[in-house]
Amino acid sequence: MRTMFRAAVTFATAATALVAMSGAAQAKPADGTPWDGCPSGAVCIYGEGVVPANNPHPTNVYYSYGAHNLSNQFGQHWILNNQTGGASASLCNGSNGTNCTTTIAQDNGLRVNFTPINSITLNRP
């Protein structure tokens, strides 16, 4: 019984150390289909006034969870959330993912005035 307990403790300690060393999790591209040029597993922003179906070339592509500051994004842009596993994306008025106002569910896109948007976040499910 003690041997089994020690083995369980050793396993739990090793698993905890592995998780601690792994760093930040990332939304990875899956084997899914791109959506208007946005790879599976990504959140994509398209150029001002661009319709993704007509011009499937995003200007910004994000894969990693967390906050992403934006620069020089003004006017109307499409943003597509092509993440997998139920991950969402949020539009934030502040930098570093603060003052978020809109959440975009997986497999959804919005045409948004990006002038007040200073960052986006990719959120774990």
C-alpha atoms as a PDB file:
ATOM      1  CA  MET A   1       0.000   0.000   0.000  1.00  0.00           C
ATOM      2  CA  ARG A   2       2.846   2.383   0.860  1.00  0.00           C
ATOM      3  CA  THR A   3       4.533   1.587  -2.457  1.00  0.00           C
ATOM      4  CA  MET A   4       1.353   2.482  -4.344  1.00  0.00           C
ATOM      5  CA  PHE A   5       1.000   5.713  -2.355  1.00  0.00           C
ATOM      6  CA  ARG A   6       4.633   6.699  -3.042  1.00  0.00           C
ATOM      7  CA  ALA A   7       4.169   5.952  -6.741  1.00  0.00           C
ATOM      8  CA  ALA A   8       1.039   8.130  -6.835  1.00  0.00           C
ATOM      9  CA  VAL A   9       2.851  10.992  -5.065  1.00  0.00           C
ATOM     10  CA  THR A  10       5.811  10.703  -7.429  1.00  0.00           C
ATOM     11  CA  PHE A  11       3.509  10.768 -10.467  1.00  0.00           C
ATOM     12  CA  ALA A  12       1.572  13.776  -9.158  1.00  0.00           C
ATOM     13  CA  THR A  13       4.811  15.682  -8.455  1.00  0.00           C
ATOM     14  CA  ALA A  14       6.186  14.930 -11.923  1.00  0.00           C
ATOM     15  CA  ALA A  15       2.911  15.962 -13.590  1.00  0.00           C
ATOM     16  CA  THR A  16       2.852  19.237 -11.624  1.00  0.00           C
ATOM     17  CA  ALA A  17       6.438  20.005 -12.635  1.00  0.00           C
ATOM     18  CA  LEU A  18       5.683  19.271 -16.286  1.00  0.00           C
ATOM     19  CA  VAL A  19       2.701  21.639 -16.294  1.00  0.00           C
ATOM     20  CA  ALA A  20       4.724  24.345 -14.541  1.00  0.00           C
ATOM     21  CA  MET A  21       7.507  24.129 -17.144  1.00  0.00           C
ATOM     22  CA  SER A  22       5.218  24.086 -20.179  1.00  0.00           C
ATOM     23  CA  GLY A  23       4.579  27.864 -20.202  1.00  0.00           C
ATOM     24  CA  ALA A  24       1.595  29.524 -21.819  1.00  0.00           C
ATOM     25  CA  ALA A  25      -0.839  27.380 -23.750  1.00  0.00           C
ATOM     26  CA  GLN A  26      -1.453  28.271 -27.370  1.00  0.00           C
ATOM     27  CA  ALA A  27      -4.267  27.765 -29.793  1.00  0.00           C
ATOM     28  CA  LYS A  28      -2.572  25.692 -32.481  1.00  0.00           C
ATOM     29  CA  PRO A  29      -3.653  25.325 -36.090  1.00  0.00           C
ATOM     30  CA  ALA A  30      -5.689  22.155 -36.423  1.00  0.00           C
ATOM     31  CA  ASP A  31      -6.230  19.954 -39.423  1.00  0.00           C
ATOM     32  CA  GLY A  32      -9.421  21.896 -40.127  1.00  0.00           C
ATOM     33  CA  THR A  33     -10.266  23.970 -43.129  1.00  0.00           C
ATOM     34  CA  PRO A  34      -9.217  27.610 -43.522  1.00  0.00           C
ATOM     35  CA  TRP A  35     -12.109  30.059 -43.496  1.00  0.00           C
ATOM     36  CA  ASP A  36     -11.693  32.837 -46.085  1.00  0.00           C
ATOM     37  CA  GLY A  37      -7.925  32.589 -45.704  1.00  0.00           C
ATOM     38  CA  CYS A  38      -7.978  32.374 -41.892  1.00  0.00           C
ATOM     39  CA  PRO A  39      -6.220  29.148 -40.838  1.00  0.00           C
ATOM     40  CA  SER A  40      -7.968  26.716 -38.539  1.00  0.00           C
ATOM     41  CA  GLY A  41      -6.974  27.510 -34.949  1.00  0.00           C
ATOM     42  CA  ALA A  42      -6.471  31.237 -35.583  1.00  0.00           C
ATOM     43  CA  VAL A  43      -8.162  34.607 -35.176  1.00  0.00           C
ATOM     44  CA  CYS A  44      -7.722  36.829 -38.221  1.00  0.00           C
ATOM     45  CA  ILE A  45      -8.143  40.535 -38.929  1.00  0.00           C
ATOM     46  CA  TYR A  46      -8.564  41.744 -42.508  1.00  0.00           C
ATOM     47  CA  GLY A  47      -7.634  45.102 -44.022  1.00  0.00           C
ATOM     48  CA  GLU A  48      -9.889  48.113 -43.743  1.00  0.00           C
ATOM     49  CA  GLY A  49     -12.922  47.727 -45.982  1.00  0.00           C
ATOM     50  CA  VAL A  50     -11.877  44.243 -47.169  1.00  0.00           C
ATOM     51  CA  VAL A  51     -14.534  41.534 -47.457  1.00  0.00           C
ATOM     52  CA  PRO A  52     -12.813  38.240 -46.496  1.00  0.00           C
ATOM     53  CA  ALA A  53     -14.789  36.156 -49.010  1.00  0.00           C
ATOM     54  CA  ASN A  54     -13.633  38.450 -51.840  1.00  0.00           C
ATOM     55  CA  ASN A  55     -10.034  38.866 -50.646  1.00  0.00           C
ATOM     56  CA  PRO A  56      -9.066  35.928 -48.394  1.00  0.00           C
ATOM     57  CA  HIS A  57      -5.762  37.421 -47.200  1.00  0.00           C
ATOM     58  CA  PRO A  58      -5.814  38.495 -43.531  1.00  0.00           C
ATOM     59  CA  THR A  59      -3.413  41.228 -42.458  1.00  0.00           C
ATOM     60  CA  ASN A  60      -3.119  39.918 -38.899  1.00  0.00           C
ATOM     61  CA  VAL A  61      -3.233  36.267 -37.779  1.00  0.00           C
ATOM     62  CA  TYR A  62      -3.106  35.278 -34.101  1.00  0.00           C
ATOM     63  CA  TYR A  63      -2.695  31.795 -32.611  1.00  0.00           C
ATOM     64  CA  SER A  64      -1.599  32.262 -28.987  1.00  0.00           C
ATOM     65  CA  TYR A  65      -3.997  32.709 -26.096  1.00  0.00           C
ATOM     66  CA  GLY A  66      -3.826  35.998 -24.218  1.00  0.00           C
ATOM     67  CA  ALA A  67      -3.700  39.674 -25.160  1.00  0.00           C
ATOM     68  CA  HIS A  68      -2.405  41.062 -28.444  1.00  0.00           C
ATOM     69  CA  ASN A  69      -1.955  44.821 -28.815  1.00  0.00           C
ATOM     70  CA  LEU A  70      -2.969  46.341 -32.137  1.00  0.00           C
ATOM     71  CA  SER A  71      -1.458  49.233 -34.040  1.00  0.00           C
ATOM     72  CA  ASN A  72      -2.681  51.196 -37.056  1.00  0.00           C
ATOM     73  CA  GLN A  73      -6.100  49.527 -37.096  1.00  0.00           C
ATOM     74  CA  PHE A  74      -8.702  52.162 -37.896  1.00  0.00           C
ATOM     75  CA  GLY A  75     -12.106  52.034 -39.560  1.00  0.00           C
ATOM     76  CA  GLN A  76     -14.172  49.007 -40.501  1.00  0.00           C
ATOM     77  CA  HIS A  77     -12.421  45.611 -40.441  1.00  0.00           C
ATOM     78  CA  TRP A  78     -13.616  42.023 -40.434  1.00  0.00           C
ATOM     79  CA  ILE A  79     -12.372  39.767 -37.647  1.00  0.00           C
ATOM     80  CA  LEU A  80     -12.921  36.001 -37.900  1.00  0.00           C
ATOM     81  CA  ASN A  81     -12.585  33.565 -34.997  1.00  0.00           C
ATOM     82  CA  ASN A  82     -11.537  30.280 -36.587  1.00  0.00           C
ATOM     83  CA  GLN A  83     -10.201  28.810 -33.347  1.00  0.00           C
ATOM     84  CA  THR A  84     -11.112  25.298 -32.308  1.00  0.00           C
ATOM     85  CA  GLY A  85     -12.336  23.642 -29.123  1.00  0.00           C
ATOM     86  CA  GLY A  86     -14.765  26.427 -28.220  1.00  0.00           C
ATOM     87  CA  ALA A  87     -12.153  29.188 -27.782  1.00  0.00           C
ATOM     88  CA  SER A  88     -13.409  32.773 -28.041  1.00  0.00           C
ATOM     89  CA  ALA A  89     -11.842  36.133 -28.869  1.00  0.00           C
ATOM     90  CA  SER A  90     -12.537  39.507 -27.279  1.00  0.00           C
ATOM     91  CA  LEU A  91     -12.216  43.058 -28.577  1.00  0.00           C
ATOM     92  CA  CYS A  92     -10.746  45.444 -26.016  1.00  0.00           C
ATOM     93  CA  ASN A  93     -10.661  49.231 -25.892  1.00  0.00           C
ATOM     94  CA  GLY A  94      -7.604  49.244 -23.643  1.00  0.00           C
ATOM     95  CA  SER A  95      -4.168  47.866 -24.363  1.00  0.00           C
ATOM     96  CA  ASN A  96      -2.989  44.502 -23.022  1.00  0.00           C
ATOM     97  CA  GLY A  97      -6.517  43.064 -23.052  1.00  0.00           C
ATOM     98  CA  THR A  98      -8.216  45.580 -20.745  1.00  0.00           C
ATOM     99  CA  ASN A  99     -11.708  47.056 -21.013  1.00  0.00           C
ATOM    100  CA  CYS A 100     -12.971  44.298 -23.316  1.00  0.00           C
ATOM    101  CA  THR A 101     -16.420  45.011 -24.724  1.00  0.00           C
ATOM    102  CA  THR A 102     -17.255  42.329 -27.292  1.00  0.00           C
ATOM    103  CA  THR A 103     -16.695  38.574 -27.305  1.00  0.00           C
ATOM    104  CA  ILE A 104     -16.669  36.571 -30.530  1.00  0.00           C
ATOM    105  CA  ALA A 105     -17.511  32.881 -30.260  1.00  0.00           C
ATOM    106  CA  GLN A 106     -15.705  30.210 -32.255  1.00  0.00           C
ATOM    107  CA  ASP A 107     -16.765  30.019 -35.916  1.00  0.00           C
ATOM    108  CA  ASN A 108     -18.091  33.591 -35.878  1.00  0.00           C
ATOM    109  CA  GLY A 109     -16.961  36.827 -37.457  1.00  0.00           C
ATOM    110  CA  LEU A 110     -17.821  40.500 -37.099  1.00  0.00           C
ATOM    111  CA  ARG A 111     -17.360  43.662 -39.108  1.00  0.00           C
ATOM    112  CA  VAL A 112     -16.236  46.170 -36.517  1.00  0.00           C
ATOM    113  CA  ASN A 113     -15.024  49.761 -36.297  1.00  0.00           C
ATOM    114  CA  PHE A 114     -11.508  49.151 -34.989  1.00  0.00           C
ATOM    115  CA  THR A 115     -10.764  52.822 -34.279  1.00  0.00           C
ATOM    116  CA  PRO A 116     -11.470  52.477 -30.509  1.00  0.00           C
ATOM    117  CA  ILE A 117     -10.043  48.917 -30.313  1.00  0.00           C
ATOM    118  CA  ASN A 118      -6.491  48.756 -28.977  1.00  0.00           C
ATOM    119  CA  SER A 119      -6.118  45.026 -28.319  1.00  0.00           C
ATOM    120  CA  ILE A 120      -7.737  41.634 -28.731  1.00  0.00           C
ATOM    121  CA  THR A 121      -7.574  38.565 -26.537  1.00  0.00           C
ATOM    122  CA  LEU A 122      -7.724  34.922 -27.503  1.00  0.00           C
ATOM    123  CA  ASN A 123      -9.527  33.143 -24.688  1.00  0.00           C
ATOM    124  CA  ARG A 124      -9.210  29.533 -23.609  1.00  0.00           C
ATOM    125  CA  PRO A 125     -12.462  27.568 -23.665  1.00  0.00           C
END
